[in-house]
């Protein structure tokens, strides 16, 4: 009880999905660092915090 549910418009969800997809494609083409470990944990946790600033 007392939970606040934030409304996320469909356009914002789609924008966040496209950004995640583009980052995954970029990471596939240009892997980061020599460890060979992708940063999938950080990109997934920031998906809800996409700013609307250009």
N, C-alpha and C. Protein backbone atom coordinates (compact mmCIF):
# COMPACT_ATOMS: atom_id res chain seq x y z
N UNK A 1 0.82 -1.19 0.00
CA UNK A 1 0.00 0.00 0.00
C UNK A 1 0.87 1.25 0.00
N UNK A 2 0.39 2.29 -0.60
CA UNK A 2 1.13 3.52 -0.63
C UNK A 2 2.21 3.58 -1.70
N UNK A 3 2.23 2.61 -2.61
CA UNK A 3 3.23 2.62 -3.67
C UNK A 3 2.84 3.64 -4.74
N UNK A 4 3.85 4.30 -5.25
CA UNK A 4 3.62 5.26 -6.33
C UNK A 4 4.07 4.60 -7.63
N UNK A 5 3.18 4.53 -8.58
CA UNK A 5 3.48 3.94 -9.87
C UNK A 5 3.64 5.05 -10.88
N UNK A 6 4.79 5.11 -11.51
CA UNK A 6 5.08 6.17 -12.48
C UNK A 6 4.57 5.75 -13.86
N UNK A 7 3.82 6.63 -14.49
CA UNK A 7 3.33 6.38 -15.83
C UNK A 7 4.45 6.66 -16.82
N UNK A 8 4.76 5.67 -17.67
CA UNK A 8 5.79 5.84 -18.69
C UNK A 8 5.11 5.74 -20.05
N UNK A 9 5.10 6.84 -20.80
CA UNK A 9 4.46 6.82 -22.11
C UNK A 9 5.11 5.79 -23.04
N UNK A 10 4.34 5.30 -23.98
CA UNK A 10 4.82 4.30 -24.92
C UNK A 10 6.02 4.82 -25.71
N UNK A 11 6.00 6.08 -26.10
CA UNK A 11 7.10 6.67 -26.86
C UNK A 11 8.41 6.64 -26.06
N UNK A 12 8.31 6.91 -24.76
CA UNK A 12 9.51 6.91 -23.91
C UNK A 12 10.06 5.49 -23.75
N UNK A 13 9.16 4.52 -23.60
CA UNK A 13 9.60 3.11 -23.51
C UNK A 13 10.29 2.68 -24.80
N UNK A 14 9.71 3.06 -25.93
CA UNK A 14 10.28 2.70 -27.23
C UNK A 14 11.64 3.37 -27.41
N UNK A 15 11.77 4.62 -27.00
CA UNK A 15 13.05 5.34 -27.09
C UNK A 15 14.11 4.64 -26.24
N UNK A 16 13.75 4.25 -25.04
CA UNK A 16 14.70 3.56 -24.16
C UNK A 16 15.10 2.21 -24.77
N UNK A 17 14.15 1.51 -25.38
CA UNK A 17 14.45 0.22 -26.01
C UNK A 17 15.41 0.40 -27.17
N UNK A 18 15.17 1.42 -27.99
CA UNK A 18 16.04 1.67 -29.13
C UNK A 18 17.45 2.05 -28.69
N UNK A 19 17.55 2.83 -27.61
CA UNK A 19 18.87 3.20 -27.09
C UNK A 19 19.61 1.97 -26.59
N UNK A 20 18.91 1.09 -25.86
CA UNK A 20 19.55 -0.15 -25.38
C UNK A 20 20.02 -1.00 -26.55
N UNK A 21 19.18 -1.10 -27.58
CA UNK A 21 19.53 -1.90 -28.74
C UNK A 21 20.73 -1.31 -29.48
N UNK A 22 20.77 0.01 -29.62
CA UNK A 22 21.89 0.67 -30.29
C UNK A 22 23.18 0.48 -29.49
N UNK A 23 23.10 0.58 -28.17
CA UNK A 23 24.29 0.38 -27.34
C UNK A 23 24.80 -1.05 -27.45
N UNK A 24 23.88 -2.01 -27.51
CA UNK A 24 24.28 -3.41 -27.65
C UNK A 24 24.97 -3.63 -29.00
N UNK A 25 24.42 -3.04 -30.06
CA UNK A 25 25.04 -3.16 -31.38
C UNK A 25 26.43 -2.51 -31.39
N UNK A 26 26.55 -1.35 -30.80
CA UNK A 26 27.84 -0.65 -30.73
C UNK A 26 28.86 -1.49 -29.97
N UNK A 27 28.42 -2.06 -28.86
CA UNK A 27 29.32 -2.87 -28.03
C UNK A 27 29.76 -4.13 -28.80
N UNK A 28 28.88 -4.66 -29.62
CA UNK A 28 29.22 -5.83 -30.42
C UNK A 28 30.28 -5.47 -31.47
N UNK A 29 30.17 -4.28 -32.06
CA UNK A 29 31.10 -3.86 -33.10
C UNK A 29 32.41 -3.36 -32.49
N UNK A 30 32.32 -2.57 -31.43
CA UNK A 30 33.48 -1.99 -30.76
C UNK A 30 33.53 -2.45 -29.32
N UNK A 31 34.03 -3.66 -29.07
CA UNK A 31 34.07 -4.16 -27.68
C UNK A 31 34.93 -3.26 -26.79
N UNK A 32 34.51 -3.11 -25.55
CA UNK A 32 35.24 -2.24 -24.62
C UNK A 32 36.28 -3.03 -23.85
N UNK A 33 37.44 -2.42 -23.67
CA UNK A 33 38.50 -2.98 -22.83
C UNK A 33 39.03 -4.32 -23.30
N UNK A 34 40.02 -4.80 -22.57
CA UNK A 34 40.64 -6.08 -22.89
C UNK A 34 40.08 -7.23 -22.09
N UNK A 35 39.18 -6.94 -21.13
CA UNK A 35 38.66 -8.00 -20.29
C UNK A 35 37.65 -8.88 -21.03
N UNK A 36 37.06 -8.36 -22.12
CA UNK A 36 36.09 -9.13 -22.87
C UNK A 36 34.74 -9.23 -22.20
N UNK A 37 34.55 -8.45 -21.17
CA UNK A 37 33.29 -8.51 -20.42
C UNK A 37 32.45 -7.29 -20.78
N UNK A 38 31.24 -7.54 -21.29
CA UNK A 38 30.34 -6.44 -21.66
C UNK A 38 29.70 -5.85 -20.42
N UNK A 39 29.34 -4.58 -20.48
CA UNK A 39 28.71 -3.90 -19.36
C UNK A 39 27.20 -3.99 -19.46
N UNK A 40 26.66 -5.19 -19.49
CA UNK A 40 25.21 -5.34 -19.64
C UNK A 40 24.48 -4.98 -18.36
N UNK A 41 25.10 -5.13 -17.22
CA UNK A 41 24.44 -4.80 -15.95
C UNK A 41 24.18 -3.31 -15.80
N UNK A 42 25.10 -2.48 -16.25
CA UNK A 42 24.92 -1.05 -16.08
C UNK A 42 23.91 -0.49 -17.06
N UNK A 43 23.89 -0.98 -18.29
CA UNK A 43 22.96 -0.43 -19.26
C UNK A 43 21.52 -0.82 -18.93
N UNK A 44 21.32 -1.99 -18.35
CA UNK A 44 19.97 -2.40 -17.99
C UNK A 44 19.42 -1.63 -16.80
N UNK A 45 20.29 -1.29 -15.85
CA UNK A 45 19.82 -0.59 -14.66
C UNK A 45 19.51 0.87 -14.94
N UNK A 46 20.11 1.46 -15.97
CA UNK A 46 19.88 2.85 -16.30
C UNK A 46 18.75 3.04 -17.31
N UNK A 47 18.13 1.98 -17.72
CA UNK A 47 17.10 2.06 -18.76
C UNK A 47 15.92 2.93 -18.32
N UNK A 48 15.57 2.93 -17.05
CA UNK A 48 14.46 3.71 -16.58
C UNK A 48 14.84 5.17 -16.33
N UNK A 49 16.13 5.47 -16.40
CA UNK A 49 16.59 6.81 -16.09
C UNK A 49 17.02 7.58 -17.33
N UNK A 50 16.43 7.27 -18.47
CA UNK A 50 16.78 7.95 -19.71
C UNK A 50 16.23 9.38 -19.65
N UNK A 51 17.10 10.35 -19.88
CA UNK A 51 16.67 11.74 -19.82
C UNK A 51 16.05 12.15 -21.14
N UNK A 52 15.22 13.17 -21.09
CA UNK A 52 14.57 13.64 -22.30
C UNK A 52 15.33 14.78 -22.94
N UNK A 53 16.51 15.10 -22.41
CA UNK A 53 17.33 16.17 -22.96
C UNK A 53 18.02 15.72 -24.22
N UNK A 54 18.14 16.59 -25.22
CA UNK A 54 18.81 16.20 -26.47
C UNK A 54 20.30 16.02 -26.33
